[in-house]
Each structure stands twice: as C-alpha cells, then as structure tokens.
Amino acid sequence: MSNLKIAIDFVLKQEDSRLLGNITTIPGDRGGPTRFGLASASHPELIAQGYYDPAKVNRDAALAIAEQVYEKTYATPMRIADINDQALATAVLSLGVNAWIVKPIKLLQQAVTKLGKPIVVDGHVGLVTLQAVNDLNPTLLLNQFCVEVGQYYRDLVAAMPSDQRFLKGWLNRVDAWLGVNTTDTARPSLRRDGLAAEMSRETHDRHVRCLP
C-alpha cells in the first residue's frame, strides 16, 4: 500500500508550493477562486463554509479542510492507498485534484491495457483494476500513465485552443510526478516522452474538470 499522507502532501505543494493558502483567480478559468487546489466551481460546499474568504477561514484551518477534502473526495473513491507504488499513487491523486476522479482512472486503465493487461476502461476502481495495476512494473506503468495524461492535455488544447496558455502548467504537473520517490527500487530512468522536459516552470494550472 502507498502512503496517503505522502501523496496528499505532494499534491498540496504542487497546488501551493509554499502552502500559504492564498486564494488565486486566473482570468478565463471557469474554476473560479481556488485555494490549495480546490476550485470553487467544483466545491460549492466550501463556498458555504467561507473557505474562500481568509477573513473567515485562516490559512491553518483552510489547510486542514483541504487535507480532509483530498482524502474524502479524491483519494478514497480512487482507492489511492490501494495502489502499491508511491509514485504512481501520487500521480493518480494529482490528476484527480486537477481533472476530477473519473478521468485519472480511465487513463490509468488505458495505460494498463497498453502494457499488455487489457481491462475495461470505465473510470471505476475495482479489484480487477487494482490487481492489474499492482501486478505491472510500476516504473513502466507510471511512464505510460504520464504519456496518456500528456496526450489528454494536448487533446484538450486541440479542442479548445484558448487553453494553450495552460498547457505548460499541465505538462509541468505531469513532469513532476516522475520525480516522486517510488517503491520500485530497481527503477530505470524514465522516458519523459517530451511532456515537459523542454519547458520552463509555469504557474498557471487550470483545473480542467471545469471545462464544459
């Protein structure tokens, strides 16, 4: 089993590198105000709690809320803790926070299938999916997952060219997963597939689940 706290801490720092808890609003982002990676458009319940108002919910309280939401809303339904490899589990959680919980599982299932273990691509995590995920070489699976996610982001931009400005941030997000410590001690060098190795760091990282 992977360590859920490690995964959550990693993704929180992807969303807010200094964990300041500032509210960010990016023009053109349908997600609306975002705090610790939680977009208000996707979390109306947090608006009601005053989460997006620092005068009502301070930084420490907001961080505690974010940790709870990451676990309950994202990690639990995607069964992150049941993915054995830490790097892969962290990557799936990271995409879940960015693109909601169904898309990461579908892309993971696609990656598994392309590595020779054909399974149903339905976005649901069951015993068959988990067994296939945990049976495969974690390094190869993480690399293939990153390839699938990179193509997913590129397809989004192809469908909506105005989102080109977000692409660097999305691909840098994927690139960061390749640096997570893994349980695969024999892990070879990963092939970045041109996802982001050539790109400078970019802060804009629109939450793609808010696309129409």
Protein backbone atom coordinates (compact mmCIF):
# COMPACT_ATOMS: atom_id res chain seq x y z
CA MET A 1 0.00 0.00 0.00
CA SER A 2 1.09 3.55 -0.67
CA ASN A 3 1.30 6.25 1.98
CA LEU A 4 -1.69 8.54 1.54
CA LYS A 5 -0.18 11.37 3.58
CA ILE A 6 2.88 11.48 1.31
CA ALA A 7 0.63 11.68 -1.74
CA ILE A 8 -1.58 14.39 -0.27
CA ASP A 9 1.38 16.48 0.91
CA PHE A 10 2.97 16.27 -2.53
CA VAL A 11 -0.17 17.39 -4.36
CA LEU A 12 -0.81 20.20 -1.89
CA LYS A 13 2.64 21.57 -2.66
CA GLN A 14 2.01 21.20 -6.38
CA GLU A 15 -1.02 23.41 -5.92
CA ASP A 16 0.55 25.85 -3.43
CA SER A 17 4.32 25.38 -3.22
CA ARG A 18 4.74 27.40 -0.01
CA LEU A 19 1.43 26.29 1.50
CA LEU A 20 0.42 29.92 2.04
CA GLY A 21 -3.26 29.27 1.49
CA ASN A 22 -3.73 32.28 -0.78
CA ILE A 23 -6.80 32.45 -2.99
CA THR A 24 -5.96 32.56 -6.69
CA THR A 25 -8.17 33.59 -9.57
CA ILE A 26 -6.94 33.16 -13.15
CA PRO A 27 -8.77 35.14 -15.85
CA GLY A 28 -10.61 32.75 -18.14
CA ASP A 29 -10.55 29.87 -15.66
CA ARG A 30 -14.08 28.59 -15.17
CA GLY A 31 -12.96 27.04 -11.90
CA GLY A 32 -13.23 30.40 -10.19
CA PRO A 33 -11.36 31.25 -6.98
CA THR A 34 -9.08 28.40 -5.94
CA ARG A 35 -7.38 27.62 -2.64
CA PHE A 36 -4.96 24.74 -2.08
CA GLY A 37 -6.02 23.38 -5.47
CA LEU A 38 -9.73 23.25 -4.66
CA ALA A 39 -11.68 25.24 -7.24
CA SER A 40 -14.83 26.94 -6.01
CA ALA A 41 -16.81 25.88 -9.08
CA SER A 42 -16.21 22.25 -8.15
CA HIS A 43 -16.70 22.72 -4.42
CA PRO A 44 -19.77 24.89 -3.74
CA GLU A 45 -19.95 23.34 -0.28
CA LEU A 46 -16.68 25.07 0.57
CA ILE A 47 -18.07 28.44 -0.51
CA ALA A 48 -20.81 28.00 2.07
CA GLN A 49 -18.16 27.29 4.72
CA GLY A 50 -16.32 30.51 3.92
CA TYR A 51 -13.30 28.56 2.71
CA TYR A 52 -12.51 31.12 0.00
CA ASP A 53 -12.60 34.06 2.43
CA PRO A 54 -9.37 34.33 4.50
CA ALA A 55 -11.19 36.55 6.98
CA LYS A 56 -13.48 33.63 7.80
CA VAL A 57 -11.14 30.66 7.33
CA ASN A 58 -7.48 31.29 8.09
CA ARG A 59 -4.55 29.52 6.48
CA ASP A 60 -4.24 26.71 9.03
CA ALA A 61 -7.95 25.95 9.01
CA ALA A 62 -8.02 26.03 5.21
CA LEU A 63 -5.09 23.61 5.01
CA ALA A 64 -6.83 21.20 7.38
CA ILE A 65 -10.00 21.39 5.30
CA ALA A 66 -8.05 20.81 2.09
CA GLU A 67 -6.36 17.73 3.54
CA GLN A 68 -9.76 16.31 4.50
CA VAL A 69 -11.24 17.02 1.07
CA TYR A 70 -8.26 15.49 -0.70
CA GLU A 71 -8.73 12.29 1.28
CA LYS A 72 -12.52 12.03 1.32
CA THR A 73 -13.44 13.42 -2.10
CA TYR A 74 -10.46 12.29 -4.17
CA ALA A 75 -8.23 9.67 -2.57
CA THR A 76 -10.91 7.41 -1.12
CA PRO A 77 -13.09 6.92 -4.24
CA MET A 78 -9.97 6.45 -6.39
CA ARG A 79 -8.57 3.98 -3.82
CA ILE A 80 -5.20 5.72 -3.85
CA ALA A 81 -3.92 3.90 -0.77
CA ASP A 82 -4.52 0.55 -2.51
CA ILE A 83 -2.10 1.43 -5.32
CA ASN A 84 1.15 -0.11 -4.11
CA ASP A 85 3.67 2.16 -5.81
CA GLN A 86 4.02 5.54 -4.12
CA ALA A 87 4.92 7.49 -7.25
CA LEU A 88 2.01 6.09 -9.24
CA ALA A 89 -0.45 6.63 -6.40
CA THR A 90 0.69 10.23 -6.06
CA ALA A 91 0.36 10.83 -9.80
CA VAL A 92 -3.19 9.49 -9.91
CA LEU A 93 -4.21 11.65 -6.94
CA SER A 94 -2.61 14.72 -8.52
CA LEU A 95 -4.58 14.28 -11.72
CA GLY A 96 -7.74 13.65 -9.71
CA VAL A 97 -7.44 17.02 -7.99
CA ASN A 98 -6.86 18.68 -11.36
CA ALA A 99 -9.35 16.79 -13.54
CA TRP A 100 -11.79 15.11 -11.13
CA ILE A 101 -11.82 11.44 -10.20
CA VAL A 102 -13.08 9.56 -13.27
CA LYS A 103 -10.58 10.73 -15.87
CA PRO A 104 -7.45 9.61 -13.93
CA ILE A 105 -8.80 6.10 -13.54
CA LYS A 106 -9.74 5.86 -17.21
CA LEU A 107 -6.25 6.97 -18.23
CA LEU A 108 -4.70 4.54 -15.76
CA GLN A 109 -6.82 1.74 -17.21
CA GLN A 110 -5.75 2.77 -20.71
CA ALA A 111 -2.11 2.63 -19.63
CA VAL A 112 -2.59 -0.81 -18.10
CA THR A 113 -4.23 -2.08 -21.28
CA LYS A 114 -1.44 -0.74 -23.48
CA LEU A 115 1.10 -2.57 -21.32
CA GLY A 116 -0.49 -5.92 -22.11
CA LYS A 117 -3.14 -6.35 -19.41
CA PRO A 118 -6.41 -5.48 -21.16
CA ILE A 119 -9.08 -4.31 -18.73
CA VAL A 120 -12.34 -2.41 -19.07
CA VAL A 121 -11.80 1.36 -19.30
CA ASP A 122 -14.77 2.61 -17.29
CA GLY A 123 -13.29 5.01 -14.74
CA HIS A 124 -14.20 2.79 -11.79
CA VAL A 125 -11.64 1.19 -9.48
CA GLY A 126 -12.40 -2.42 -8.63
CA LEU A 127 -10.39 -5.46 -7.73
CA VAL A 128 -9.60 -6.25 -11.37
CA THR A 129 -8.15 -2.79 -11.99
CA LEU A 130 -6.17 -2.79 -8.75
CA GLN A 131 -4.72 -6.23 -9.36
CA ALA A 132 -3.67 -5.29 -12.88
CA VAL A 133 -2.14 -2.02 -11.67
CA ASN A 134 -0.21 -3.66 -8.86
CA ASP A 135 0.95 -6.60 -10.98
CA LEU A 136 2.66 -4.43 -13.59
CA ASN A 137 6.14 -2.96 -13.33
CA PRO A 138 5.42 0.34 -11.56
CA THR A 139 8.06 2.28 -13.43
CA LEU A 140 6.72 1.24 -16.82
CA LEU A 141 3.15 1.91 -15.73
CA LEU A 142 3.95 5.36 -14.36
CA ASN A 143 5.71 6.26 -17.58
CA GLN A 144 2.79 5.05 -19.71
CA PHE A 145 0.32 6.86 -17.45
CA CYS A 146 2.27 10.08 -17.96
CA VAL A 147 2.16 9.56 -21.71
CA GLU A 148 -1.63 9.06 -21.58
CA VAL A 149 -2.12 12.17 -19.44
CA GLY A 150 0.11 14.28 -21.65
CA GLN A 151 -1.94 13.31 -24.68
CA TYR A 152 -5.15 14.02 -22.79
CA TYR A 153 -4.00 17.57 -22.05
CA ARG A 154 -2.88 18.11 -25.64
CA ASP A 155 -6.26 16.90 -26.88
CA LEU A 156 -7.97 19.41 -24.59
CA VAL A 157 -5.96 22.23 -26.11
CA ALA A 158 -6.67 20.98 -29.63
CA ALA A 159 -10.39 21.10 -28.85
CA MET A 160 -10.14 24.50 -27.14
CA PRO A 161 -7.14 26.46 -28.47
CA SER A 162 -7.70 29.28 -25.98
CA ASP A 163 -6.39 26.90 -23.32
CA GLN A 164 -2.95 26.79 -24.95
CA ARG A 165 -1.69 29.12 -22.19
CA PHE A 166 -2.43 26.46 -19.60
CA LEU A 167 -0.62 23.64 -21.37
CA LYS A 168 2.84 24.30 -19.93
CA GLY A 169 1.45 24.21 -16.41
CA TRP A 170 -0.40 20.98 -17.07
CA LEU A 171 2.63 19.27 -18.60
CA ASN A 172 4.92 20.50 -15.85
CA ARG A 173 2.49 18.95 -13.41
CA VAL A 174 2.95 15.60 -15.16
CA ASP A 175 6.71 16.02 -15.32
CA ALA A 176 6.85 16.48 -11.54
CA TRP A 177 5.35 13.03 -10.99
CA LEU A 178 8.47 11.46 -12.45
CA GLY A 179 10.48 12.80 -9.52
CA VAL A 180 8.39 11.22 -6.76
CA ASN A 181 10.15 8.52 -4.73
CA THR A 182 8.88 5.11 -5.77
CA THR A 183 8.68 1.69 -4.18
CA ASP A 184 10.32 0.27 -7.31
CA THR A 185 13.93 0.05 -6.10
CA ALA A 186 15.13 -1.17 -9.48
CA ARG A 187 13.54 1.76 -11.27
CA PRO A 188 15.33 2.67 -14.51
CA SER A 189 15.45 6.15 -15.96
CA LEU A 190 12.02 7.26 -17.10
CA ARG A 191 11.34 8.41 -20.62
CA ARG A 192 9.66 11.80 -20.40
CA ASP A 193 8.24 11.50 -23.92
CA GLY A 194 8.73 15.21 -24.44
CA LEU A 195 6.00 16.02 -21.94
CA ALA A 196 7.70 18.89 -20.20
CA ALA A 197 11.44 18.39 -20.12
CA GLU A 198 11.96 21.24 -22.53
CA MET A 199 9.61 23.61 -20.74
CA SER A 200 10.29 26.22 -18.09
CA ARG A 201 8.15 26.18 -14.94
CA GLU A 202 4.74 27.74 -15.35
CA THR A 203 2.38 28.61 -12.51
CA HIS A 204 -0.91 28.63 -14.41
CA ASP A 205 -2.52 25.22 -13.99
CA ARG A 206 -6.20 25.47 -14.81
CA HIS A 207 -8.50 22.87 -13.33
CA VAL A 208 -9.60 21.02 -16.42
CA ARG A 209 -12.68 19.42 -14.90
CA CYS A 210 -14.30 22.84 -15.14
CA LEU A 211 -14.28 22.68 -18.92
CA PRO A 212 -17.74 22.40 -20.49
